[in-house]
Structures are given as structure tokens and as C-alpha cells.
Amino acid sequence: MFPGTGLVTSSDTNCQNWTPGFNPRAVSKAHQPPFRNSKTGQMLENWQQVCPVCFENFNSTEAGDRHRIGTFGVDRRCARPDEVGLIPLPNKYRTLVWRSTNGS
């Protein structure tokens, strides 16, 4: 067994089995497949975010947080992303995704 990997080997080097209790779905985001915006159906890369209120696509949590304005529990709402300095750029699936001007 290789420590920390959850893999067991046999005499056949091409045969590797999952050990009991190892969750093969517990992989880093970099190895997860792309997904779709649930409202628009647009393809997004696995690290990109969708606002649960307005369903705009964002390149990072930071960019998504910038478009939420107001006080929590009082008047919290979505601002237009261009009003808060975000710029739209296409991702590798040609979906427009809002990004901060610093690249995130």
C-alpha cells in the first residue's frame, strides 16, 4: 500500500485497487469535471462561481463577493458587475465570466 494514497498494489503493476473507506470523489477541484450554470446552462470551469441570486458567472469568490452590496440582513443585493469594476471575459468554453481587473 502507498501511504496516504488509498492505493493497494499487486504483482501486476497495472492493477491498483481502491482500499475500503477511501472516497474516490474526494479529489482536488483541479481534477473535477466542468459544470453548467443551473439557470443558463452555460459551461463553467470547476473553480468558477455562480451567484445563487442573480445567476451571473464569476471567475472567483472574490469577484462574486464584489458584486454583492448592502448590509447583511438589511438591504443586501446584487449590483451589476460592471458597476463594481468587474470585466467580462470568455472562459475556455466561450462563456462570459466576470473577473476582477487584477485577474481573479
C-alpha atoms as a PDB file:
ATOM      1  CA  MET A   1       0.000   0.000   0.000  1.00  0.00           C
ATOM      2  CA  PHE A   2       1.188   3.500  -0.759  1.00  0.00           C
ATOM      3  CA  PRO A   3       0.767   5.652   2.399  1.00  0.00           C
ATOM      4  CA  GLY A   4      -1.790   8.442   2.008  1.00  0.00           C
ATOM      5  CA  THR A   5      -2.907   7.462  -1.491  1.00  0.00           C
ATOM      6  CA  GLY A   6      -5.542   4.807  -0.775  1.00  0.00           C
ATOM      7  CA  LEU A   7      -3.997   2.541  -3.417  1.00  0.00           C
ATOM      8  CA  VAL A   8      -3.001  -1.095  -3.000  1.00  0.00           C
ATOM      9  CA  THR A   9      -0.678  -2.807  -5.446  1.00  0.00           C
ATOM     10  CA  SER A  10      -0.429  -6.374  -6.588  1.00  0.00           C
ATOM     11  CA  SER A  11       2.259  -8.192  -8.523  1.00  0.00           C
ATOM     12  CA  ASP A  12       0.663  -6.780 -11.677  1.00  0.00           C
ATOM     13  CA  THR A  13       1.790  -3.127 -11.754  1.00  0.00           C
ATOM     14  CA  ASN A  14      -1.222  -2.189 -13.897  1.00  0.00           C
ATOM     15  CA  CYS A  15      -3.672  -3.436 -11.236  1.00  0.00           C
ATOM     16  CA  GLN A  16      -4.398  -0.889  -8.499  1.00  0.00           C
ATOM     17  CA  ASN A  17      -7.478  -1.163  -6.288  1.00  0.00           C
ATOM     18  CA  TRP A  18      -9.215   1.328  -4.004  1.00  0.00           C
ATOM     19  CA  THR A  19      -8.951   0.495  -0.327  1.00  0.00           C
ATOM     20  CA  PRO A  20     -12.118   0.266   1.792  1.00  0.00           C
ATOM     21  CA  GLY A  21     -13.161   3.627   3.198  1.00  0.00           C
ATOM     22  CA  PHE A  22     -11.355   5.654   0.536  1.00  0.00           C
ATOM     23  CA  ASN A  23     -13.640   8.127  -1.231  1.00  0.00           C
ATOM     24  CA  PRO A  24     -12.588   8.374  -4.910  1.00  0.00           C
ATOM     25  CA  ARG A  25     -14.745  11.504  -5.241  1.00  0.00           C
ATOM     26  CA  ALA A  26     -12.629  13.339  -2.696  1.00  0.00           C
ATOM     27  CA  VAL A  27     -10.288  14.835  -5.285  1.00  0.00           C
ATOM     28  CA  SER A  28      -8.992  18.348  -5.672  1.00  0.00           C
ATOM     29  CA  LYS A  29     -11.030  20.871  -7.658  1.00  0.00           C
ATOM     30  CA  ALA A  30      -8.385  20.813 -10.372  1.00  0.00           C
ATOM     31  CA  HIS A  31      -9.345  17.215 -11.166  1.00  0.00           C
ATOM     32  CA  GLN A  32     -13.115  17.668 -11.081  1.00  0.00           C
ATOM     33  CA  PRO A  33     -15.040  17.982 -14.345  1.00  0.00           C
ATOM     34  CA  PRO A  34     -16.525  21.253 -15.609  1.00  0.00           C
ATOM     35  CA  PHE A  35     -20.124  22.064 -14.721  1.00  0.00           C
ATOM     36  CA  ARG A  36     -23.067  24.097 -16.042  1.00  0.00           C
ATOM     37  CA  ASN A  37     -24.779  27.174 -14.635  1.00  0.00           C
ATOM     38  CA  SER A  38     -28.068  25.664 -13.411  1.00  0.00           C
ATOM     39  CA  LYS A  39     -30.176  28.529 -14.771  1.00  0.00           C
ATOM     40  CA  THR A  40     -28.438  29.418 -18.041  1.00  0.00           C
ATOM     41  CA  GLY A  41     -26.862  26.072 -18.937  1.00  0.00           C
ATOM     42  CA  GLN A  42     -23.540  27.770 -19.732  1.00  0.00           C
ATOM     43  CA  MET A  43     -20.376  25.671 -19.284  1.00  0.00           C
ATOM     44  CA  LEU A  44     -18.041  26.749 -16.489  1.00  0.00           C
ATOM     45  CA  GLU A  45     -14.652  25.583 -15.310  1.00  0.00           C
ATOM     46  CA  ASN A  46     -14.689  23.832 -11.945  1.00  0.00           C
ATOM     47  CA  TRP A  47     -13.309  26.787  -9.920  1.00  0.00           C
ATOM     48  CA  GLN A  48     -15.693  29.371 -11.349  1.00  0.00           C
ATOM     49  CA  GLN A  49     -18.637  30.569  -9.283  1.00  0.00           C
ATOM     50  CA  VAL A  50     -22.333  31.221  -9.962  1.00  0.00           C
ATOM     51  CA  CYS A  51     -24.233  33.779  -7.881  1.00  0.00           C
ATOM     52  CA  PRO A  52     -27.164  31.954  -6.214  1.00  0.00           C
ATOM     53  CA  VAL A  53     -29.327  35.095  -6.509  1.00  0.00           C
ATOM     54  CA  CYS A  54     -28.758  36.553  -9.995  1.00  0.00           C
ATOM     55  CA  PHE A  55     -27.006  33.524 -11.637  1.00  0.00           C
ATOM     56  CA  GLU A  56     -24.152  35.621 -13.066  1.00  0.00           C
ATOM     57  CA  ASN A  57     -20.867  33.738 -13.632  1.00  0.00           C
ATOM     58  CA  PHE A  58     -17.721  34.814 -11.774  1.00  0.00           C
ATOM     59  CA  ASN A  59     -14.096  33.752 -12.108  1.00  0.00           C
ATOM     60  CA  SER A  60     -13.512  33.730  -8.343  1.00  0.00           C
ATOM     61  CA  THR A  61     -15.241  34.026  -4.988  1.00  0.00           C
ATOM     62  CA  GLU A  62     -13.637  37.465  -4.638  1.00  0.00           C
ATOM     63  CA  ALA A  63     -15.242  38.671  -7.883  1.00  0.00           C
ATOM     64  CA  GLY A  64     -18.635  37.274  -6.833  1.00  0.00           C
ATOM     65  CA  ASP A  65     -18.379  38.932  -3.426  1.00  0.00           C
ATOM     66  CA  ARG A  66     -17.587  42.302  -5.008  1.00  0.00           C
ATOM     67  CA  HIS A  67     -20.924  42.359  -6.836  1.00  0.00           C
ATOM     68  CA  ARG A  68     -22.914  41.803  -3.608  1.00  0.00           C
ATOM     69  CA  ILE A  69     -23.554  45.179  -1.978  1.00  0.00           C
ATOM     70  CA  GLY A  70     -25.500  46.441   1.019  1.00  0.00           C
ATOM     71  CA  THR A  71     -25.717  45.323   4.616  1.00  0.00           C
ATOM     72  CA  PHE A  72     -26.262  41.659   5.515  1.00  0.00           C
ATOM     73  CA  GLY A  73     -29.863  41.080   6.605  1.00  0.00           C
ATOM     74  CA  VAL A  74     -30.922  44.630   5.749  1.00  0.00           C
ATOM     75  CA  ASP A  75     -30.537  45.559   2.085  1.00  0.00           C
ATOM     76  CA  ARG A  76     -28.073  43.035   0.671  1.00  0.00           C
ATOM     77  CA  ARG A  77     -28.459  42.743  -3.105  1.00  0.00           C
ATOM     78  CA  CYS A  78     -26.647  42.126  -6.373  1.00  0.00           C
ATOM     79  CA  ALA A  79     -25.095  45.061  -8.202  1.00  0.00           C
ATOM     80  CA  ARG A  80     -24.422  44.984 -11.907  1.00  0.00           C
ATOM     81  CA  PRO A  81     -20.904  43.532 -12.175  1.00  0.00           C
ATOM     82  CA  ASP A  82     -19.696  46.350 -14.461  1.00  0.00           C
ATOM     83  CA  GLU A  83     -20.779  48.925 -11.845  1.00  0.00           C
ATOM     84  CA  VAL A  84     -18.346  47.464  -9.299  1.00  0.00           C
ATOM     85  CA  GLY A  85     -15.366  47.315 -11.672  1.00  0.00           C
ATOM     86  CA  LEU A  86     -15.606  43.740 -12.939  1.00  0.00           C
ATOM     87  CA  ILE A  87     -14.890  42.947 -16.578  1.00  0.00           C
ATOM     88  CA  PRO A  88     -16.439  40.170 -18.698  1.00  0.00           C
ATOM     89  CA  LEU A  89     -14.043  37.775 -20.410  1.00  0.00           C
ATOM     90  CA  PRO A  90     -14.780  34.428 -22.065  1.00  0.00           C
ATOM     91  CA  ASN A  91     -13.581  31.220 -20.425  1.00  0.00           C
ATOM     92  CA  LYS A  92     -12.312  28.255 -22.448  1.00  0.00           C
ATOM     93  CA  TYR A  93     -15.939  27.266 -23.216  1.00  0.00           C
ATOM     94  CA  ARG A  94     -16.649  30.783 -24.562  1.00  0.00           C
ATOM     95  CA  THR A  95     -18.937  31.570 -21.617  1.00  0.00           C
ATOM     96  CA  LEU A  96     -18.668  35.164 -20.410  1.00  0.00           C
ATOM     97  CA  VAL A  97     -17.343  35.178 -16.859  1.00  0.00           C
ATOM     98  CA  TRP A  98     -16.957  38.321 -14.738  1.00  0.00           C
ATOM     99  CA  ARG A  99     -13.424  38.919 -13.433  1.00  0.00           C
ATOM    100  CA  SER A 100     -11.679  41.487 -11.275  1.00  0.00           C
ATOM    101  CA  THR A 101      -9.326  43.787 -13.127  1.00  0.00           C
ATOM    102  CA  ASN A 102      -6.423  42.147 -11.244  1.00  0.00           C
ATOM    103  CA  GLY A 103      -7.189  38.828 -12.989  1.00  0.00           C
ATOM    104  CA  SER A 104      -9.198  36.994 -10.338  1.00  0.00           C
END
